[in-house]
Amino acid sequence: MSDVTRLLEAANRGDRQAAANLLPLVYDELRKLAAARLAHEKPGQTLDATALVHEAYLRLVGSQRFEGGGHFFAAAAEAIRRILVDQARRRHAAKRGGDRQRQPLDAHQVVATAPDEELLALHDALDRLAERHPDKAALVKLRYFAGLTADQAAAAMGLSPSAADRHWAYARAWLRRAMAPELPLPPGGATPTV
């Protein structure tokens, strides 16, 4: 049993010290995931990777029970997704000055090009995918929001690499179609199946 799993089990039983001891063990991994996710965000983010990790960790600890490291990192991916979507929505709210852009203070801060509209469209499409195919949506969250590799995401979900590849291909096609419905259907008019 890994230290992360042991501490998650203790935290699930209400051990506050275990929850405090968990952060140093998962911090570097969560920070890498957050930095990878922020690399795909629009410039001018008000959160850096450190702040995103802290916000996600606060939402996770004490809010639910985890069945192991894979479940914890899946929940972390979802928390990161929700935080970024909330941020995008706040930026677009005119009453909150959503058109203002913050200047980064850290020269090493990761910035990227994906506009808020794309993130919000992905968020909505991902929710629709989760209604029909929760396992495929979970894989997308792990790969896109947590930045896991295909093999890491497959292991976290308990899938074989080939099953994860099929889920990933299907989810990408489904999301692309959901986000750009004007695209023509593939030959034969059929939706890809897994």
Protein backbone atom coordinates (compact mmCIF):
# COMPACT_ATOMS: atom_id res chain seq x y z
CA MET A 1 0.00 0.00 0.00
CA SER A 2 1.45 3.37 -1.01
CA ASP A 3 1.84 6.23 1.44
CA VAL A 4 -0.75 8.22 -0.52
CA THR A 5 -3.31 5.41 -0.27
CA ARG A 6 -2.58 4.93 3.44
CA LEU A 7 -2.98 8.64 4.16
CA LEU A 8 -6.16 8.84 2.05
CA GLU A 9 -7.65 5.98 4.07
CA ALA A 10 -6.70 7.66 7.34
CA ALA A 11 -8.10 11.00 6.15
CA ASN A 12 -11.32 9.21 5.17
CA ARG A 13 -11.57 8.03 8.78
CA GLY A 14 -11.34 11.66 9.94
CA ASP A 15 -7.64 11.83 10.80
CA ARG A 16 -6.81 15.53 10.30
CA GLN A 17 -3.07 14.91 10.62
CA ALA A 18 -3.23 12.40 7.75
CA ALA A 19 -4.89 15.04 5.56
CA ALA A 20 -2.14 17.50 6.49
CA ASN A 21 0.57 14.91 5.73
CA LEU A 22 -1.00 14.12 2.36
CA LEU A 23 -0.31 17.50 0.75
CA PRO A 24 3.51 17.23 0.76
CA LEU A 25 3.28 13.79 -0.89
CA VAL A 26 0.96 14.87 -3.72
CA TYR A 27 1.93 18.54 -4.01
CA ASP A 28 4.60 18.20 -6.72
CA GLU A 29 2.37 15.97 -8.84
CA LEU A 30 -0.63 18.28 -8.42
CA ARG A 31 1.53 21.30 -9.28
CA LYS A 32 2.74 19.61 -12.48
CA LEU A 33 -0.87 18.83 -13.39
CA ALA A 34 -1.94 22.41 -12.67
CA ALA A 35 0.95 23.89 -14.66
CA ALA A 36 0.16 21.61 -17.60
CA ARG A 37 -3.47 22.66 -17.50
CA LEU A 38 -2.63 26.37 -17.22
CA ALA A 39 -0.41 26.02 -20.27
CA HIS A 40 -3.63 25.68 -22.28
CA GLU A 41 -5.35 28.69 -20.75
CA LYS A 42 -5.77 32.22 -22.05
CA PRO A 43 -3.04 34.70 -21.06
CA GLY A 44 -3.84 36.86 -18.05
CA GLN A 45 -4.92 34.09 -15.67
CA THR A 46 -5.37 35.35 -12.15
CA LEU A 47 -4.30 31.93 -10.85
CA ASP A 48 -0.84 30.49 -11.13
CA ALA A 49 -0.10 26.78 -10.71
CA THR A 50 0.54 27.13 -6.97
CA ALA A 51 -2.73 28.96 -6.33
CA LEU A 52 -4.62 26.45 -8.50
CA VAL A 53 -3.17 23.52 -6.54
CA HIS A 54 -4.05 25.12 -3.21
CA GLU A 55 -7.60 25.92 -4.34
CA ALA A 56 -8.10 22.39 -5.70
CA TYR A 57 -6.64 20.79 -2.56
CA LEU A 58 -8.92 22.84 -0.31
CA ARG A 59 -11.92 21.71 -2.33
CA LEU A 60 -10.83 18.08 -2.13
CA VAL A 61 -9.78 17.53 1.47
CA GLY A 62 -12.69 16.89 3.74
CA SER A 63 -15.24 17.10 0.92
CA GLN A 64 -15.27 13.44 -0.09
CA ARG A 65 -13.83 9.99 0.50
CA PHE A 66 -11.20 8.59 -1.82
CA GLU A 67 -10.70 4.96 -2.78
CA GLY A 68 -7.03 5.38 -3.62
CA GLY A 69 -4.58 7.51 -5.53
CA GLY A 70 -6.35 7.13 -8.89
CA HIS A 71 -9.64 8.32 -7.43
CA PHE A 72 -7.89 11.22 -5.70
CA PHE A 73 -6.23 12.43 -8.91
CA ALA A 74 -9.50 12.03 -10.85
CA ALA A 75 -11.17 14.23 -8.24
CA ALA A 76 -8.27 16.67 -8.49
CA ALA A 77 -8.76 16.87 -12.27
CA GLU A 78 -12.45 17.65 -11.74
CA ALA A 79 -11.63 20.28 -9.10
CA ILE A 80 -9.12 21.95 -11.43
CA ARG A 81 -11.70 21.91 -14.22
CA ARG A 82 -14.35 23.53 -12.01
CA ILE A 83 -11.95 26.20 -10.75
CA LEU A 84 -10.88 27.16 -14.28
CA VAL A 85 -14.47 27.22 -15.53
CA ASP A 86 -15.51 29.39 -12.58
CA GLN A 87 -12.62 31.75 -13.37
CA ALA A 88 -13.62 31.94 -17.05
CA ARG A 89 -17.21 32.71 -16.11
CA ARG A 90 -16.13 35.42 -13.67
CA ARG A 91 -13.94 37.05 -16.29
CA HIS A 92 -16.90 37.22 -18.64
CA ALA A 93 -19.23 38.75 -16.11
CA ALA A 94 -19.40 42.44 -17.04
CA LYS A 95 -20.52 43.44 -13.58
CA ARG A 96 -17.23 42.11 -12.24
CA GLY A 97 -15.07 43.85 -14.81
CA GLY A 98 -14.67 40.68 -16.88
CA ASP A 99 -13.03 42.60 -19.72
CA ARG A 100 -10.03 43.62 -17.61
CA GLN A 101 -6.85 41.68 -18.06
CA ARG A 102 -4.36 41.09 -15.32
CA GLN A 103 -0.67 41.41 -16.06
CA PRO A 104 1.46 38.49 -14.88
CA LEU A 105 4.07 39.31 -12.27
CA ASP A 106 6.08 36.13 -12.57
CA ALA A 107 8.19 35.83 -15.69
CA HIS A 108 8.08 32.03 -15.34
CA GLN A 109 4.30 31.88 -15.16
CA VAL A 110 2.85 29.58 -17.79
CA VAL A 111 0.41 31.21 -20.23
CA ALA A 112 -1.31 29.92 -23.33
CA THR A 113 -3.79 30.69 -26.05
CA ALA A 114 -7.09 28.88 -25.41
CA PRO A 115 -9.83 31.50 -25.06
CA ASP A 116 -12.36 31.36 -22.27
CA GLU A 117 -15.11 30.65 -24.81
CA GLU A 118 -13.41 27.41 -25.82
CA LEU A 119 -13.02 26.33 -22.19
CA LEU A 120 -16.69 27.06 -21.47
CA ALA A 121 -17.77 25.22 -24.64
CA LEU A 122 -15.61 22.25 -23.65
CA HIS A 123 -17.06 22.33 -20.14
CA ASP A 124 -20.64 22.23 -21.45
CA ALA A 125 -19.87 19.51 -24.00
CA LEU A 126 -18.01 17.47 -21.38
CA ASP A 127 -21.04 17.62 -19.08
CA ARG A 128 -23.23 16.31 -21.93
CA LEU A 129 -20.71 13.55 -22.67
CA ALA A 130 -20.68 12.58 -18.96
CA GLU A 131 -24.46 12.09 -19.05
CA ARG A 132 -24.12 9.49 -21.81
CA HIS A 133 -20.62 8.12 -21.25
CA PRO A 134 -19.30 8.90 -17.75
CA ASP A 135 -16.21 6.72 -18.17
CA LYS A 136 -15.16 8.49 -21.35
CA ALA A 137 -15.76 11.91 -19.78
CA ALA A 138 -13.67 10.87 -16.76
CA LEU A 139 -10.82 9.91 -19.09
CA VAL A 140 -10.98 13.32 -20.80
CA LYS A 141 -10.85 15.06 -17.41
CA LEU A 142 -7.75 13.08 -16.44
CA ARG A 143 -6.00 13.66 -19.76
CA TYR A 144 -7.03 17.27 -20.42
CA PHE A 145 -7.49 18.84 -17.01
CA ALA A 146 -5.07 16.79 -14.96
CA GLY A 147 -2.51 16.44 -17.75
CA LEU A 148 -2.04 12.70 -17.28
CA THR A 149 -0.53 10.66 -20.08
CA ALA A 150 -2.61 7.99 -21.76
CA ASP A 151 -0.95 5.27 -19.68
CA GLN A 152 -1.32 7.20 -16.42
CA ALA A 153 -5.00 7.89 -17.08
CA ALA A 154 -5.62 4.25 -18.02
CA ALA A 155 -3.97 3.09 -14.80
CA ALA A 156 -5.90 5.61 -12.70
CA MET A 157 -9.18 4.35 -14.16
CA GLY A 158 -8.24 0.67 -14.10
CA LEU A 159 -8.47 0.39 -17.90
CA SER A 160 -6.21 -1.42 -20.31
CA PRO A 161 -4.19 0.93 -22.53
CA SER A 162 -6.12 -0.23 -25.62
CA ALA A 163 -9.49 0.41 -23.94
CA ALA A 164 -8.29 3.85 -22.84
CA ASP A 165 -7.17 4.59 -26.41
CA ARG A 166 -10.63 3.63 -27.74
CA HIS A 167 -12.36 5.75 -25.08
CA TRP A 168 -10.06 8.69 -25.87
CA ALA A 169 -10.67 8.46 -29.64
CA TYR A 170 -14.43 8.25 -29.14
CA ALA A 171 -14.52 11.11 -26.60
CA ARG A 172 -12.41 13.40 -28.81
CA ALA A 173 -14.67 12.76 -31.82
CA TRP A 174 -17.81 13.20 -29.71
CA LEU A 175 -16.56 16.45 -28.15
CA ARG A 176 -15.40 17.83 -31.48
CA ARG A 177 -18.83 17.17 -32.95
CA ALA A 178 -20.59 18.63 -29.87
CA MET A 179 -18.45 21.77 -29.93
CA ALA A 180 -18.71 22.28 -33.72
CA PRO A 181 -22.08 20.82 -34.80
CA GLU A 182 -21.78 22.34 -38.28
CA LEU A 183 -19.08 19.78 -39.19
CA PRO A 184 -20.29 17.06 -41.57
CA LEU A 185 -20.81 13.54 -40.28
CA PRO A 186 -18.18 10.95 -41.20
CA PRO A 187 -18.87 8.84 -44.33
CA GLY A 188 -21.99 6.74 -43.86
CA GLY A 189 -23.37 9.28 -41.36
CA ALA A 190 -22.51 7.04 -38.41
CA THR A 191 -21.11 8.21 -35.12
CA PRO A 192 -17.92 6.36 -34.12
CA THR A 193 -18.56 3.49 -31.73
CA VAL A 194 -16.34 1.88 -29.16
